[in-house]
C-alpha atoms as a PDB file:
ATOM      1  CA  MET A   1      14.858  -5.627 -17.077  1.00  0.00           C
ATOM      2  CA  PRO A   2      11.222  -6.443 -16.156  1.00  0.00           C
ATOM      3  CA  SER A   3      10.503  -7.611 -12.625  1.00  0.00           C
ATOM      4  CA  GLN A   4       9.299 -11.104 -11.763  1.00  0.00           C
ATOM      5  CA  THR A   5       5.828  -9.702 -11.219  1.00  0.00           C
ATOM      6  CA  VAL A   6       5.752  -8.111 -14.686  1.00  0.00           C
ATOM      7  CA  LYS A   7       6.929 -11.387 -16.259  1.00  0.00           C
ATOM      8  CA  ALA A   8       4.323 -13.391 -14.340  1.00  0.00           C
ATOM      9  CA  LEU A   9       1.525 -10.997 -15.319  1.00  0.00           C
ATOM     10  CA  GLY A  10       2.625 -11.231 -18.950  1.00  0.00           C
ATOM     11  CA  LYS A  11       2.364 -15.032 -18.839  1.00  0.00           C
ATOM     12  CA  ALA A  12      -1.039 -14.868 -17.136  1.00  0.00           C
ATOM     13  CA  HIS A  13      -2.314 -12.429 -19.797  1.00  0.00           C
ATOM     14  CA  GLN A  14      -0.939 -14.643 -22.573  1.00  0.00           C
ATOM     15  CA  ALA A  15      -2.711 -17.657 -21.015  1.00  0.00           C
ATOM     16  CA  GLN A  16      -5.981 -15.732 -20.913  1.00  0.00           C
ATOM     17  CA  ARG A  17      -5.606 -14.735 -24.569  1.00  0.00           C
ATOM     18  CA  LEU A  18      -5.051 -18.391 -25.518  1.00  0.00           C
ATOM     19  CA  ARG A  19      -8.174 -19.451 -23.643  1.00  0.00           C
ATOM     20  CA  LEU A  20     -10.258 -16.856 -25.483  1.00  0.00           C
ATOM     21  CA  SER A  21      -8.950 -17.689 -28.949  1.00  0.00           C
ATOM     22  CA  SER A  22     -10.027 -20.546 -31.249  1.00  0.00           C
ATOM     23  CA  ARG A  23     -13.361 -21.234 -29.602  1.00  0.00           C
ATOM     24  CA  THR A  24     -14.819 -22.689 -32.826  1.00  0.00           C
ATOM     25  CA  ASP A  25     -12.128 -25.361 -33.378  1.00  0.00           C
ATOM     26  CA  PRO A  26     -12.262 -27.947 -30.541  1.00  0.00           C
ATOM     27  CA  VAL A  27      -8.813 -29.386 -31.330  1.00  0.00           C
ATOM     28  CA  ARG A  28      -7.179 -25.942 -31.347  1.00  0.00           C
ATOM     29  CA  GLN A  29      -9.129 -25.028 -28.203  1.00  0.00           C
ATOM     30  CA  ALA A  30      -7.851 -28.119 -26.334  1.00  0.00           C
ATOM     31  CA  PHE A  31      -4.287 -27.386 -27.484  1.00  0.00           C
ATOM     32  CA  ASN A  32      -4.548 -23.730 -26.394  1.00  0.00           C
ATOM     33  CA  GLN A  33      -6.028 -24.801 -23.058  1.00  0.00           C
ATOM     34  CA  GLY A  34      -2.959 -26.971 -22.432  1.00  0.00           C
ATOM     35  CA  LEU A  35      -0.628 -24.113 -23.343  1.00  0.00           C
ATOM     36  CA  ALA A  36      -2.614 -21.714 -21.151  1.00  0.00           C
ATOM     37  CA  ASP A  37      -2.446 -24.087 -18.186  1.00  0.00           C
ATOM     38  CA  ALA A  38       1.324 -24.376 -18.631  1.00  0.00           C
ATOM     39  CA  LEU A  39       1.670 -20.578 -18.784  1.00  0.00           C
ATOM     40  CA  ASP A  40      -0.420 -20.223 -15.624  1.00  0.00           C
ATOM     41  CA  GLN A  41       1.875 -22.683 -13.844  1.00  0.00           C
ATOM     42  CA  GLU A  42       4.935 -20.721 -15.025  1.00  0.00           C
ATOM     43  CA  ALA A  43       3.361 -17.472 -13.818  1.00  0.00           C
ATOM     44  CA  LEU A  44       2.645 -18.941 -10.385  1.00  0.00           C
ATOM     45  CA  ALA A  45       6.158 -20.394 -10.201  1.00  0.00           C
ATOM     46  CA  ALA A  46       7.653 -16.988 -11.071  1.00  0.00           C
ATOM     47  CA  LEU A  47       5.815 -15.431  -8.129  1.00  0.00           C
ATOM     48  CA  GLU A  48       6.989 -18.058  -5.640  1.00  0.00           C
ATOM     49  CA  PRO A  49      10.132 -17.004  -3.791  1.00  0.00           C
ATOM     50  CA  ALA A  50      13.151 -19.334  -4.039  1.00  0.00           C
ATOM     51  CA  ARG A  51      13.375 -19.383  -0.233  1.00  0.00           C
ATOM     52  CA  PRO A  52      10.639 -18.764   2.295  1.00  0.00           C
ATOM     53  CA  LEU A  53      10.298 -15.079   3.096  1.00  0.00           C
ATOM     54  CA  VAL A  54      10.391 -14.000   6.721  1.00  0.00           C
ATOM     55  CA  CYS A  55       7.771 -11.523   7.925  1.00  0.00           C
ATOM     56  CA  GLY A  56       8.010  -8.679  10.455  1.00  0.00           C
ATOM     57  CA  MET A  57       8.299  -4.887  10.908  1.00  0.00           C
ATOM     58  CA  GLY A  58       5.567  -4.298   8.333  1.00  0.00           C
ATOM     59  CA  GLU A  59       7.619  -5.312   5.304  1.00  0.00           C
ATOM     60  CA  VAL A  60       9.156  -8.451   3.742  1.00  0.00           C
ATOM     61  CA  ILE A  61      12.606  -9.530   4.881  1.00  0.00           C
ATOM     62  CA  CYS A  62      14.782 -10.667   2.002  1.00  0.00           C
ATOM     63  CA  ALA A  63      18.464 -11.156   1.246  1.00  0.00           C
ATOM     64  CA  GLU A  64      18.688  -7.885  -0.694  1.00  0.00           C
ATOM     65  CA  ARG A  65      17.157  -5.804   2.116  1.00  0.00           C
ATOM     66  CA  PRO A  66      17.740  -7.531   5.459  1.00  0.00           C
ATOM     67  CA  GLY A  67      15.641  -6.245   8.334  1.00  0.00           C
ATOM     68  CA  LEU A  68      12.526  -5.503   6.275  1.00  0.00           C
ATOM     69  CA  ASN A  69       9.495  -7.753   6.006  1.00  0.00           C
ATOM     70  CA  ASP A  70       5.804  -8.072   5.328  1.00  0.00           C
ATOM     71  CA  MET A  71       3.319  -9.270   7.924  1.00  0.00           C
ATOM     72  CA  LEU A  72       1.569 -11.566   5.456  1.00  0.00           C
ATOM     73  CA  GLN A  73       0.990 -15.289   5.897  1.00  0.00           C
ATOM     74  CA  ASN A  74       2.430 -16.357   2.515  1.00  0.00           C
ATOM     75  CA  PRO A  75       4.293 -13.518   0.834  1.00  0.00           C
ATOM     76  CA  SER A  76       4.830 -13.798  -2.924  1.00  0.00           C
ATOM     77  CA  MET A  77       7.399 -12.213  -5.211  1.00  0.00           C
ATOM     78  CA  THR A  78       4.869  -9.467  -5.949  1.00  0.00           C
ATOM     79  CA  THR A  79       4.610  -8.763  -2.222  1.00  0.00           C
ATOM     80  CA  LEU A  80       8.386  -8.736  -1.953  1.00  0.00           C
ATOM     81  CA  GLU A  81       8.848  -6.336  -4.869  1.00  0.00           C
ATOM     82  CA  ALA A  82       6.101  -4.013  -3.601  1.00  0.00           C
ATOM     83  CA  SER A  83       7.715  -4.061  -0.166  1.00  0.00           C
ATOM     84  CA  ILE A  84      11.130  -3.232  -1.617  1.00  0.00           C
ATOM     85  CA  CYS A  85       9.576  -0.402  -3.648  1.00  0.00           C
ATOM     86  CA  ARG A  86       7.778   1.078  -0.621  1.00  0.00           C
ATOM     87  CA  THR A  87      10.821   0.886   1.632  1.00  0.00           C
ATOM     88  CA  THR A  88      13.174   2.258  -1.033  1.00  0.00           C
ATOM     89  CA  LEU A  89      10.883   5.264  -1.500  1.00  0.00           C
ATOM     90  CA  ALA A  90      10.560   5.769   2.268  1.00  0.00           C
ATOM     91  CA  GLU A  91      14.339   5.593   2.598  1.00  0.00           C
ATOM     92  CA  ALA A  92      14.764   8.170  -0.186  1.00  0.00           C
ATOM     93  CA  ALA A  93      12.248  10.432   1.598  1.00  0.00           C
ATOM     94  CA  GLY A  94      14.320  10.178   4.771  1.00  0.00           C
ATOM     95  CA  CYS A  95      11.602   8.519   6.823  1.00  0.00           C
ATOM     96  CA  LEU A  96      12.308   4.773   6.623  1.00  0.00           C
ATOM     97  CA  GLU A  97      12.224   4.052  10.351  1.00  0.00           C
ATOM     98  CA  THR A  98       9.153   6.210  10.931  1.00  0.00           C
ATOM     99  CA  ALA A  99       7.362   4.605   7.975  1.00  0.00           C
ATOM    100  CA  LEU A 100       8.172   1.084   9.160  1.00  0.00           C
ATOM    101  CA  GLU A 101       6.982   1.852  12.660  1.00  0.00           C
ATOM    102  CA  ALA A 102       3.772   3.465  11.374  1.00  0.00           C
ATOM    103  CA  ALA A 103       2.963   0.485   9.132  1.00  0.00           C
ATOM    104  CA  GLN A 104       4.030  -2.181  11.606  1.00  0.00           C
ATOM    105  CA  ASP A 105       0.535  -3.388  12.501  1.00  0.00           C
ATOM    106  CA  THR A 106      -1.060  -2.986   9.074  1.00  0.00           C
ATOM    107  CA  GLN A 107      -1.511  -5.817   6.630  1.00  0.00           C
ATOM    108  CA  ARG A 108      -3.305  -4.179   3.724  1.00  0.00           C
ATOM    109  CA  PRO A 109      -1.075  -2.563   1.056  1.00  0.00           C
ATOM    110  CA  MET A 110      -3.149   0.637   0.828  1.00  0.00           C
ATOM    111  CA  GLU A 111      -2.864   1.159   4.582  1.00  0.00           C
ATOM    112  CA  LYS A 112       0.899   0.621   4.357  1.00  0.00           C
ATOM    113  CA  MET A 113       1.166   3.222   1.612  1.00  0.00           C
ATOM    114  CA  LEU A 114      -0.920   5.671   3.632  1.00  0.00           C
ATOM    115  CA  CYS A 115       1.260   5.041   6.702  1.00  0.00           C
ATOM    116  CA  HIS A 116       4.379   5.707   4.623  1.00  0.00           C
ATOM    117  CA  LEU A 117       2.862   8.913   3.207  1.00  0.00           C
ATOM    118  CA  ILE A 118       1.943  10.070   6.694  1.00  0.00           C
ATOM    119  CA  ALA A 119       5.486   9.333   7.893  1.00  0.00           C
ATOM    120  CA  ALA A 120       7.019  11.228   4.953  1.00  0.00           C
ATOM    121  CA  ALA A 121       4.751  14.257   5.484  1.00  0.00           C
ATOM    122  CA  HIS A 122       5.436  14.235   9.230  1.00  0.00           C
ATOM    123  CA  THR A 123       9.203  14.054   8.696  1.00  0.00           C
ATOM    124  CA  ARG A 124       9.165  16.905   6.192  1.00  0.00           C
ATOM    125  CA  ALA A 125       6.854  19.037   8.352  1.00  0.00           C
ATOM    126  CA  MET A 126       9.134  18.630  11.364  1.00  0.00           C
ATOM    127  CA  ALA A 127      12.155  19.583   9.233  1.00  0.00           C
ATOM    128  CA  LEU A 128      10.302  22.689   8.029  1.00  0.00           C
ATOM    129  CA  PHE A 129       9.354  23.645  11.606  1.00  0.00           C
ATOM    130  CA  ALA A 130      13.003  23.219  12.643  1.00  0.00           C
ATOM    131  CA  GLY A 131      14.144  25.353   9.706  1.00  0.00           C
ATOM    132  CA  ALA A 132      11.629  28.045  10.586  1.00  0.00           C
ATOM    133  CA  ALA A 133      12.899  28.113  14.155  1.00  0.00           C
ATOM    134  CA  LYS A 134      16.543  28.491  13.050  1.00  0.00           C
ATOM    135  CA  THR A 135      16.184  31.107  10.308  1.00  0.00           C
ATOM    136  CA  SER A 136      16.683  34.781  11.017  1.00  0.00           C
ATOM    137  CA  ASP A 137      14.571  35.913   8.045  1.00  0.00           C
ATOM    138  CA  PRO A 138      10.947  36.362   9.231  1.00  0.00           C
ATOM    139  CA  SER A 139       9.409  35.918   5.763  1.00  0.00           C
ATOM    140  CA  THR A 140      11.284  32.643   5.205  1.00  0.00           C
ATOM    141  CA  ALA A 141      10.318  31.443   8.683  1.00  0.00           C
ATOM    142  CA  CYS A 142       6.673  32.281   7.978  1.00  0.00           C
ATOM    143  CA  LEU A 143       6.685  30.425   4.635  1.00  0.00           C
ATOM    144  CA  GLN A 144       8.309  27.366   6.218  1.00  0.00           C
ATOM    145  CA  ALA A 145       5.860  27.360   9.111  1.00  0.00           C
ATOM    146  CA  LYS A 146       2.884  27.654   6.725  1.00  0.00           C
ATOM    147  CA  ALA A 147       4.148  24.786   4.590  1.00  0.00           C
ATOM    148  CA  ALA A 148       4.729  22.702   7.731  1.00  0.00           C
ATOM    149  CA  ALA A 149       1.221  23.470   8.973  1.00  0.00           C
ATOM    150  CA  ARG A 150      -0.291  22.319   5.660  1.00  0.00           C
ATOM    151  CA  LEU A 151       1.699  19.096   5.855  1.00  0.00           C
ATOM    152  CA  MET A 152       0.611  18.506   9.447  1.00  0.00           C
ATOM    153  CA  ASP A 153      -3.009  19.010   8.375  1.00  0.00           C
ATOM    154  CA  SER A 154      -2.458  16.254   5.783  1.00  0.00           C
ATOM    155  CA  VAL A 155      -0.886  14.062   8.466  1.00  0.00           C
ATOM    156  CA  SER A 156      -3.886  14.616  10.738  1.00  0.00           C
ATOM    157  CA  ARG A 157      -6.319  13.757   7.963  1.00  0.00           C
ATOM    158  CA  GLY A 158      -4.380  10.603   7.098  1.00  0.00           C
ATOM    159  CA  ILE A 159      -4.384   9.504  10.722  1.00  0.00           C
ATOM    160  CA  LEU A 160      -8.113  10.188  10.886  1.00  0.00           C
ATOM    161  CA  VAL A 161      -8.689   7.961   7.843  1.00  0.00           C
ATOM    162  CA  LEU A 162      -6.672   5.137   9.411  1.00  0.00           C
ATOM    163  CA  THR A 163      -8.429   5.541  12.754  1.00  0.00           C
ATOM    164  CA  ARG A 164     -11.893   5.539  11.199  1.00  0.00           C
ATOM    165  CA  GLU A 165     -10.988   2.451   9.178  1.00  0.00           C
ATOM    166  CA  LYS A 166     -10.006   0.519  12.292  1.00  0.00           C
ATOM    167  CA  HIS A 167     -12.587   1.971  14.717  1.00  0.00           C
ATOM    168  CA  PRO A 168     -15.815   2.896  12.888  1.00  0.00           C
ATOM    169  CA  THR A 169     -18.245   5.019  14.878  1.00  0.00           C
ATOM    170  CA  HIS A 170     -22.005   5.100  14.714  1.00  0.00           C
ATOM    171  CA  ALA A 171     -24.329   7.962  15.516  1.00  0.00           C
ATOM    172  CA  VAL A 172     -27.995   7.670  16.381  1.00  0.00           C
ATOM    173  CA  GLN A 173     -30.220  10.289  14.827  1.00  0.00           C
ATOM    174  CA  HIS A 174     -33.803  10.955  15.930  1.00  0.00           C
ATOM    175  CA  VAL A 175     -36.083  12.617  13.414  1.00  0.00           C
ATOM    176  CA  ALA A 176     -39.758  13.431  13.966  1.00  0.00           C
ATOM    177  CA  VAL A 177     -41.930  12.804  10.909  1.00  0.00           C
ATOM    178  CA  ASN A 178     -45.616  13.764  11.289  1.00  0.00           C
ATOM    179  CA  GLY A 179     -45.384  13.275  15.029  1.00  0.00           C
ATOM    180  CA  ASN A 180     -43.759   9.820  14.740  1.00  0.00           C
ATOM    181  CA  ALA A 181     -40.137   9.303  15.769  1.00  0.00           C
ATOM    182  CA  VAL A 182     -37.797   7.693  13.274  1.00  0.00           C
ATOM    183  CA  VAL A 183     -34.488   6.348  14.583  1.00  0.00           C
ATOM    184  CA  GLY A 184     -31.599   5.596  12.251  1.00  0.00           C
ATOM    185  CA  MET A 185     -27.950   4.584  12.492  1.00  0.00           C
ATOM    186  CA  LEU A 186     -25.397   6.635  10.611  1.00  0.00           C
ATOM    187  CA  ASN A 187     -21.890   5.415   9.810  1.00  0.00           C
ATOM    188  CA  ARG A 188     -19.230   8.051  10.281  1.00  0.00           C
END
């Protein structure tokens, strides 16, 4: 069964098609405009939650998944469904709590996804390190440690991306051109 978001997008697309059709017949165009406006209203209504959604812990709190929420001012059904999808995947990856904590202060969906990916990679890397420490087979321990190290490199890079996004740095570069100094700012 399609989600509320899919249904709403379908209505919005249908409304747009109606607006673009019958541009030569003014009567048909006015009729289609009325239908399109009604479809837009239905699409917006489909994205409005039946009850106000409570926000916190980086995801949307809802009846189906109590304890999860989204730190948005006015969450919609799309926000709710995306939140449920992210948290279900994080739960399946065995890193729900870590993912929620990592994304707690983020508001943008891409940052939340990156936080969840970082949490999943960190959880798996730590499990691989633990497995390497417990195994008696040196070749298996080496393979697990190498895989864990690659994951931790990904975690470090993800954290660097998030840090640079929140705290951009600038570098001043001095270059001499024909005896004259040129000063420029570089974003890093």
